[in-house]
C-alpha atoms as a PDB file:
ATOM      1  CA  MET A   1     -16.073  35.987-106.967  1.00  0.00           C
ATOM      2  CA  ASN A   2     -19.730  35.052-106.647  1.00  0.00           C
ATOM      3  CA  LYS A   3     -22.341  37.753-106.394  1.00  0.00           C
ATOM      4  CA  PRO A   4     -24.221  37.400-103.091  1.00  0.00           C
ATOM      5  CA  THR A   5     -27.853  36.404-103.220  1.00  0.00           C
ATOM      6  CA  PHE A   6     -30.371  38.196-101.085  1.00  0.00           C
ATOM      7  CA  LYS A   7     -33.706  37.161 -99.678  1.00  0.00           C
ATOM      8  CA  ASP A   8     -36.493  39.744 -99.570  1.00  0.00           C
ATOM      9  CA  SER A   9     -35.828  39.933 -95.851  1.00  0.00           C
ATOM     10  CA  PRO A  10     -33.181  38.321 -93.686  1.00  0.00           C
ATOM     11  CA  PRO A  11     -34.265  35.521 -91.356  1.00  0.00           C
ATOM     12  CA  LEU A  12     -35.262  37.136 -88.066  1.00  0.00           C
ATOM     13  CA  THR A  13     -33.802  34.868 -85.438  1.00  0.00           C
ATOM     14  CA  GLU A  14     -32.895  35.632 -81.831  1.00  0.00           C
ATOM     15  CA  ARG A  15     -29.250  34.882 -82.566  1.00  0.00           C
ATOM     16  CA  VAL A  16     -26.911  35.573 -85.448  1.00  0.00           C
ATOM     17  CA  ASN A  17     -27.580  33.054 -88.185  1.00  0.00           C
ATOM     18  CA  ALA A  18     -25.704  31.848 -91.260  1.00  0.00           C
ATOM     19  CA  TYR A  19     -27.446  34.444 -93.464  1.00  0.00           C
ATOM     20  CA  ASP A  20     -26.262  37.215 -91.146  1.00  0.00           C
ATOM     21  CA  GLU A  21     -22.700  35.929 -91.193  1.00  0.00           C
ATOM     22  CA  ALA A  22     -22.746  35.686 -94.987  1.00  0.00           C
ATOM     23  CA  HIS A  23     -24.001  39.258 -95.288  1.00  0.00           C
ATOM     24  CA  LEU A  24     -21.949  41.097 -92.649  1.00  0.00           C
ATOM     25  CA  ALA A  25     -20.249  43.212 -95.309  1.00  0.00           C
ATOM     26  CA  THR A  26     -23.642  44.129 -96.755  1.00  0.00           C
ATOM     27  CA  TYR A  27     -24.886  45.162 -93.333  1.00  0.00           C
ATOM     28  CA  LEU A  28     -21.838  47.392 -92.890  1.00  0.00           C
ATOM     29  CA  ARG A  29     -22.409  49.005 -96.272  1.00  0.00           C
ATOM     30  CA  LEU A  30     -26.045  49.671 -95.381  1.00  0.00           C
ATOM     31  CA  LEU A  31     -25.118  51.217 -92.050  1.00  0.00           C
ATOM     32  CA  ASP A  32     -22.497  53.426 -93.700  1.00  0.00           C
ATOM     33  CA  ALA A  33     -24.948  54.550 -96.366  1.00  0.00           C
ATOM     34  CA  ALA A  34     -27.619  55.332 -93.769  1.00  0.00           C
ATOM     35  CA  GLU A  35     -25.122  57.303 -91.705  1.00  0.00           C
ATOM     36  CA  GLU A  36     -24.188  59.327 -94.777  1.00  0.00           C
ATOM     37  CA  GLY A  37     -27.852  59.986 -95.607  1.00  0.00           C
ATOM     38  CA  ALA A  38     -27.720  58.138 -98.929  1.00  0.00           C
ATOM     39  CA  ASP A  39     -30.960  57.745-100.854  1.00  0.00           C
ATOM     40  CA  TRP A  40     -32.365  54.254-100.313  1.00  0.00           C
ATOM     41  CA  ARG A  41     -32.992  53.884-104.079  1.00  0.00           C
ATOM     42  CA  GLU A  42     -29.320  54.344-104.865  1.00  0.00           C
ATOM     43  CA  VAL A  43     -28.321  51.991-102.054  1.00  0.00           C
ATOM     44  CA  ALA A  44     -30.752  49.316-103.261  1.00  0.00           C
ATOM     45  CA  ALA A  45     -29.341  49.587-106.768  1.00  0.00           C
ATOM     46  CA  VAL A  46     -25.676  49.577-105.744  1.00  0.00           C
ATOM     47  CA  VAL A  47     -25.669  47.188-102.781  1.00  0.00           C
ATOM     48  CA  PHE A  48     -28.362  44.736-103.892  1.00  0.00           C
ATOM     49  CA  GLY A  49     -28.083  45.161-107.663  1.00  0.00           C
ATOM     50  CA  LEU A  50     -31.816  45.854-107.943  1.00  0.00           C
ATOM     51  CA  ASP A  51     -33.651  47.716-110.686  1.00  0.00           C
ATOM     52  CA  VAL A  52     -35.517  50.037-108.359  1.00  0.00           C
ATOM     53  CA  ASP A  53     -37.700  51.473-111.124  1.00  0.00           C
ATOM     54  CA  ALA A  54     -38.916  48.008-112.158  1.00  0.00           C
ATOM     55  CA  ASP A  55     -40.166  47.051-108.668  1.00  0.00           C
ATOM     56  CA  PRO A  56     -39.803  49.917-106.177  1.00  0.00           C
ATOM     57  CA  ASP A  57     -41.936  48.268-103.475  1.00  0.00           C
ATOM     58  CA  ARG A  58     -39.791  45.136-103.406  1.00  0.00           C
ATOM     59  CA  ALA A  59     -36.574  47.172-103.556  1.00  0.00           C
ATOM     60  CA  LYS A  60     -37.721  49.273-100.583  1.00  0.00           C
ATOM     61  CA  ARG A  61     -38.722  46.149 -98.636  1.00  0.00           C
ATOM     62  CA  ILE A  62     -35.346  44.484 -99.263  1.00  0.00           C
ATOM     63  CA  HIS A  63     -33.446  47.628 -98.329  1.00  0.00           C
ATOM     64  CA  ASP A  64     -35.450  48.371 -95.190  1.00  0.00           C
ATOM     65  CA  SER A  65     -35.503  44.807 -93.863  1.00  0.00           C
ATOM     66  CA  HIS A  66     -31.756  44.360 -94.294  1.00  0.00           C
ATOM     67  CA  LEU A  67     -31.026  47.764 -92.771  1.00  0.00           C
ATOM     68  CA  ALA A  68     -33.203  46.854 -89.783  1.00  0.00           C
ATOM     69  CA  ARG A  69     -31.278  43.595 -89.360  1.00  0.00           C
ATOM     70  CA  ALA A  70     -27.987  45.491 -89.655  1.00  0.00           C
ATOM     71  CA  ARG A  71     -29.110  47.789 -86.871  1.00  0.00           C
ATOM     72  CA  TRP A  72     -30.143  44.777 -84.775  1.00  0.00           C
ATOM     73  CA  MET A  73     -26.634  43.420 -85.271  1.00  0.00           C
ATOM     74  CA  THR A  74     -25.177  46.628 -83.794  1.00  0.00           C
ATOM     75  CA  GLU A  75     -27.501  46.502 -80.793  1.00  0.00           C
ATOM     76  CA  LYS A  76     -27.734  42.805 -79.934  1.00  0.00           C
ATOM     77  CA  GLY A  77     -26.385  40.484 -82.581  1.00  0.00           C
ATOM     78  CA  TYR A  78     -22.745  41.451 -82.170  1.00  0.00           C
ATOM     79  CA  ARG A  79     -22.802  39.876 -78.701  1.00  0.00           C
ATOM     80  CA  HIS A  80     -23.458  36.489 -80.250  1.00  0.00           C
ATOM     81  CA  LEU A  81     -20.469  36.925 -82.546  1.00  0.00           C
ATOM     82  CA  LEU A  82     -18.273  37.732 -79.563  1.00  0.00           C
ATOM     83  CA  GLU A  83     -19.555  34.781 -77.513  1.00  0.00           C
ATOM     84  CA  SER A  84     -18.637  32.235 -80.154  1.00  0.00           C
ATOM     85  CA  ARG A  85     -15.130  33.708 -80.526  1.00  0.00           C
ATOM     86  CA  MET A  86     -14.493  33.865 -76.767  1.00  0.00           C
ATOM     87  CA  GLN A  87     -15.246  30.211 -76.054  1.00  0.00           C
END
């Protein structure tokens, strides 16, 4: 199984894009961790495989941008997933 690769921030498009579809499981993990109140440093290390101590600013940026996109998916993006399945 290949380890997923992550951009520093997901592409911010108006619709669900290929990056979003490839990282749906990651988005779910981020949402679960946020709901549980997990420390972002631990999440960045576990979910993204980052060495948080080596570059904490980048780790925080990656975590926060992907969590924001995950939240967008729960508010708007999911509709686009449903549209493509219903046609």
